[in-house]
Structures are given as structure tokens and as C-alpha cells.
Amino acid sequence: MWIFVGLGNPGRQYRFTRHNAGWMAVEEYARKKGLRWLGRDSFVYAQGDDFVLVKPVTYMNLSGKAVKQAFSLWGEDREKLVVIHDDIDLPLGSVKLKLGGGTGGHRGLESVMEAMGTSVFGRIRIGINIGFKPAKLADFVLQEFGEEEREPLLCALERTSTAMDVLMEKGWERAMNEINGLTPCSFQEKGAKKPQGGETWN
């Protein structure tokens, strides 16, 4: 069973912030697959035939608790545990796959590594860098995506869904070859479905 964990913070005030790019990605994938969300202690989840989508509700800095619990329920292989997260080191619109590695200072990843006792798990990195590294990173990631950022974000979420499909079908090596070489989504590219049913970016 593949486990895709979208990192983020619970609560409407965080829904469309940069730090919630991982949450947005698994929500978009669940929408595409027609799945519904169910609740557990430290996370909510949506399950397909051979994968489960997870959104921790522990807040970012305690994400490891939810990941460890989810892995205890469905985990078979750490290479099939994939954490999807925002990445300040990648330009907005970028999507990169990675197996293992460090945290880049990402508190959610740090929590996951501590809880799992290893860095050997997959990551899908969604770029949020808009041309500079802000002096107050904590403030930047908790701000909502700006109006001009939304089209490349939506495109990146679409690309993340594709990456998840390719990863499950072809494995890490081929998925990285297919996805990592793509140029960042431009402002003109079409992306995922915008908020519906009364939901807004604001």
C-alpha cells in the first residue's frame, strides 16, 4: 500500500497558505479519484485500492505522530511512504521527487524523520520560492499564495497528481526521470481545479 502524506496545518486560516501545499496536493488527488475523507486520532485519510492519502491534523511541527500512526496501519515499505511538502528551495511551479535525504530546515520533515527514526522515505517537493528567500521564513510560509502565484500553483498540483500516478505505476527511478526534468509551471499553464462550492482563497 502506498501512503501519500500531505503536510500542512489544520484550520481554515491555514487552508491556502504556502505551508499547506502538501495538503492541497492530496486534496486535489482525492477529488480526482472521487474519494471521501475519514477521520482518525491524529489524521484524516482517503483510501483507494492500493494507496491511502493522509492529512495530519497535529499541526506541522508534530506531523511525525500522524505519519508514524499511518505507517503502523498501512505501511509495508518505507519507499512507499511519500511525504508531500512545500519547499522554499524550489521555484514556484516546480515539482520534484526525491527518495531519502535531509530536511532543508522544514519542521514537518524534521518531525517525520524523528518519529520514523530514518530519513529513508519518499518526498514530493512543491516549490514555493517566488524569486527570493524571505528574511522571516516562518511568516512567509504562513501567508496565503498571492493572486499572481495561483495559476502556477494549480499547475503544480496537477503535476503532483501525475507524479503520484507515475510513481505507483513505474517506481521511483522512472518517475524521477519523467518528473524532475520538467520546467516549472508557467503562469499560462492550466492546472488543477480552483476552489468550488463557496470555498475561496481568502
Protein backbone atom coordinates (compact mmCIF):
# COMPACT_ATOMS: atom_id res chain seq x y z
CA MET A 1 0.00 0.00 0.00
CA TRP A 2 1.34 3.42 -0.98
CA ILE A 3 0.94 6.13 1.67
CA PHE A 4 0.93 9.74 0.48
CA VAL A 5 1.08 12.25 3.33
CA GLY A 6 0.33 15.89 2.54
CA LEU A 7 1.92 18.11 5.17
CA GLY A 8 0.07 21.18 6.39
CA ASN A 9 -1.78 22.81 9.25
CA PRO A 10 -5.47 22.24 10.09
CA GLY A 11 -7.93 25.13 10.22
CA ARG A 12 -9.49 27.46 7.66
CA GLN A 13 -6.96 30.19 8.41
CA TYR A 14 -4.19 27.95 7.01
CA ARG A 15 -6.12 26.36 4.15
CA PHE A 16 -4.49 28.25 1.28
CA THR A 17 -1.15 29.16 2.83
CA ARG A 18 2.15 28.20 1.23
CA HIS A 19 2.92 25.77 4.05
CA ASN A 20 -0.22 23.81 3.12
CA ALA A 21 0.85 22.94 -0.42
CA GLY A 22 1.11 19.28 0.61
CA TRP A 23 -2.44 19.29 1.98
CA MET A 24 -3.69 20.89 -1.22
CA ALA A 25 -1.96 18.22 -3.30
CA VAL A 26 -3.61 15.24 -1.57
CA GLU A 27 -6.96 17.05 -1.55
CA GLU A 28 -6.68 17.54 -5.30
CA TYR A 29 -5.78 13.88 -5.84
CA ALA A 30 -8.71 12.74 -3.69
CA ARG A 31 -11.02 14.98 -5.74
CA LYS A 32 -9.75 13.46 -8.99
CA LYS A 33 -10.30 9.93 -7.69
CA GLY A 34 -13.70 10.67 -6.16
CA LEU A 35 -12.61 9.69 -2.64
CA ARG A 36 -14.07 10.88 0.65
CA TRP A 37 -12.17 11.76 3.80
CA LEU A 38 -12.48 9.84 7.07
CA GLY A 39 -11.06 10.68 10.48
CA ARG A 40 -8.69 9.04 12.93
CA ASP A 41 -6.85 10.23 16.01
CA SER A 42 -4.05 12.30 14.50
CA PHE A 43 -5.02 12.49 10.82
CA VAL A 44 -7.77 12.27 8.24
CA TYR A 45 -7.44 9.89 5.30
CA ALA A 46 -8.92 8.89 1.97
CA GLN A 47 -8.27 5.38 0.69
CA GLY A 48 -8.04 3.96 -2.81
CA ASP A 49 -7.46 0.39 -3.95
CA ASP A 50 -3.68 0.44 -3.50
CA PHE A 51 -2.96 3.77 -1.84
CA VAL A 52 -4.06 5.93 1.06
CA LEU A 53 -3.93 9.73 1.29
CA VAL A 54 -3.21 11.25 4.68
CA LYS A 55 -3.57 14.77 6.09
CA PRO A 56 -2.10 15.16 9.60
CA VAL A 57 -4.22 17.26 11.98
CA THR A 58 -1.41 17.61 14.52
CA TYR A 59 -0.03 20.88 13.10
CA MET A 60 3.12 20.94 11.03
CA ASN A 61 5.73 20.65 13.76
CA LEU A 62 4.15 17.44 15.09
CA SER A 63 3.49 15.76 11.73
CA GLY A 64 5.62 12.76 12.68
CA LYS A 65 2.98 11.48 15.11
CA ALA A 66 0.42 11.17 12.32
CA VAL A 67 2.90 9.68 9.85
CA LYS A 68 4.04 7.04 12.32
CA GLN A 69 0.45 6.10 13.11
CA ALA A 70 -0.48 5.88 9.43
CA PHE A 71 2.57 3.76 8.66
CA SER A 72 1.72 1.38 11.52
CA LEU A 73 -1.70 0.84 9.92
CA TRP A 74 -0.84 0.60 6.23
CA GLY A 75 2.93 0.64 5.85
CA GLU A 76 4.77 -2.15 4.07
CA ASP A 77 7.87 -0.48 2.71
CA ARG A 78 9.35 2.92 3.60
CA GLU A 79 9.92 3.57 -0.10
CA LYS A 80 6.12 3.54 -0.45
CA LEU A 81 5.78 6.21 2.24
CA VAL A 82 5.75 9.54 0.38
CA VAL A 83 5.64 12.89 2.16
CA ILE A 84 4.38 15.79 0.02
CA HIS A 85 5.50 19.22 1.21
CA ASP A 86 6.26 22.82 0.31
CA ASP A 87 9.89 23.62 -0.49
CA ILE A 88 11.36 27.12 -0.29
CA ASP A 89 14.48 25.97 -2.20
CA LEU A 90 12.48 25.26 -5.36
CA PRO A 91 10.88 27.92 -7.57
CA LEU A 92 7.12 28.29 -7.55
CA GLY A 93 5.57 25.83 -10.01
CA SER A 94 8.30 23.20 -9.57
CA VAL A 95 7.60 19.61 -8.55
CA LYS A 96 10.50 17.31 -7.70
CA LEU A 97 10.62 13.72 -6.46
CA LYS A 98 13.25 12.53 -4.03
CA LEU A 99 13.92 9.33 -2.07
CA GLY A 100 15.66 9.94 1.24
CA GLY A 101 17.79 12.94 2.10
CA GLY A 102 17.74 15.76 4.62
CA THR A 103 15.06 18.19 5.75
CA GLY A 104 16.24 21.53 4.37
CA GLY A 105 15.11 23.07 7.65
CA HIS A 106 11.49 22.01 7.10
CA ARG A 107 9.99 21.43 10.54
CA GLY A 108 7.40 18.97 9.29
CA LEU A 109 10.07 16.79 7.69
CA GLU A 110 12.16 17.02 10.85
CA SER A 111 9.21 15.71 12.87
CA VAL A 112 8.64 12.85 10.41
CA MET A 113 12.30 11.82 10.45
CA GLU A 114 12.38 11.89 14.25
CA ALA A 115 9.19 9.84 14.60
CA MET A 116 10.15 7.29 11.93
CA GLY A 117 13.77 7.05 13.05
CA THR A 118 15.02 7.27 9.47
CA SER A 119 15.36 9.59 6.51
CA VAL A 120 14.58 6.75 4.10
CA PHE A 121 11.15 7.67 2.81
CA GLY A 122 9.94 9.40 -0.32
CA ARG A 123 9.24 13.07 -0.82
CA ILE A 124 7.39 15.08 -3.42
CA ARG A 125 8.60 18.66 -3.14
CA ILE A 126 6.37 21.52 -4.29
CA GLY A 127 8.24 24.75 -4.91
CA ILE A 128 7.06 27.97 -3.27
CA ASN A 129 10.04 30.27 -3.92
CA ILE A 130 8.94 33.44 -5.74
CA GLY A 131 12.40 34.74 -6.54
CA PHE A 132 13.93 35.39 -3.15
CA LYS A 133 14.37 33.73 0.23
CA PRO A 134 12.47 35.84 2.77
CA ALA A 135 14.19 37.05 5.93
CA LYS A 136 11.28 35.78 8.05
CA LEU A 137 10.61 32.38 6.53
CA ALA A 138 8.06 31.39 9.19
CA ASP A 139 5.91 34.38 8.29
CA PHE A 140 6.26 33.78 4.56
CA VAL A 141 5.12 30.14 4.61
CA LEU A 142 2.07 31.01 6.72
CA GLN A 143 0.90 33.63 4.22
CA GLU A 144 -1.62 32.72 1.53
CA PHE A 145 -0.42 32.35 -2.03
CA GLY A 146 -0.67 35.69 -3.83
CA GLU A 147 -3.05 36.22 -6.73
CA GLU A 148 -0.20 36.02 -9.25
CA GLU A 149 1.03 32.75 -7.68
CA ARG A 150 -2.19 30.79 -8.02
CA GLU A 151 -2.01 29.66 -11.64
CA PRO A 152 1.48 28.13 -11.31
CA LEU A 153 0.40 26.60 -8.00
CA LEU A 154 -2.66 24.97 -9.57
CA CYS A 155 -0.49 23.66 -12.39
CA ALA A 156 1.98 22.26 -9.83
CA LEU A 157 -0.85 20.48 -8.00
CA GLU A 158 -1.91 18.92 -11.30
CA ARG A 159 1.67 17.85 -11.91
CA THR A 160 1.86 16.37 -8.42
CA SER A 161 -1.17 14.20 -9.18
CA THR A 162 0.59 12.99 -12.32
CA ALA A 163 3.75 12.29 -10.33
CA MET A 164 1.78 10.16 -7.87
CA ASP A 165 0.27 8.11 -10.69
CA VAL A 166 3.64 7.62 -12.41
CA LEU A 167 5.31 6.70 -9.13
CA MET A 168 2.79 3.99 -8.33
CA GLU A 169 2.85 2.63 -11.88
CA LYS A 170 6.56 2.79 -12.71
CA GLY A 171 8.51 3.20 -9.45
CA TRP A 172 10.98 5.77 -8.22
CA GLU A 173 13.65 5.75 -10.89
CA ARG A 174 11.33 6.19 -13.85
CA ALA A 175 9.10 8.65 -12.01
CA MET A 176 12.05 10.86 -11.11
CA ASN A 177 13.29 10.72 -14.69
CA GLU A 178 9.89 11.78 -16.03
CA ILE A 179 9.00 14.46 -13.48
CA ASN A 180 12.22 16.01 -12.22
CA GLY A 181 13.38 17.22 -15.61
CA LEU A 182 10.22 19.23 -16.33
CA THR A 183 10.48 23.01 -16.30
CA PRO A 184 8.47 24.85 -13.63
CA CYS A 185 4.85 25.52 -14.47
CA SER A 186 4.43 28.91 -16.11
CA PHE A 187 1.76 31.45 -15.36
CA GLN A 188 -0.06 30.47 -18.56
CA GLU A 189 -0.33 26.72 -17.96
CA LYS A 190 -3.64 25.20 -16.93
CA GLY A 191 -3.69 23.50 -13.57
CA ALA A 192 -5.93 21.89 -11.01
CA LYS A 193 -9.49 22.84 -10.28
CA LYS A 194 -9.93 26.09 -8.40
CA PRO A 195 -11.85 26.17 -5.09
CA GLN A 196 -15.53 25.37 -5.52
CA GLY A 197 -18.76 25.38 -3.53
CA GLY A 198 -18.29 28.58 -1.59
CA GLU A 199 -14.63 27.98 -0.83
CA THR A 200 -12.35 30.92 -1.54
CA TRP A 201 -8.67 31.70 -1.46
CA ASN A 202 -9.33 34.39 1.15
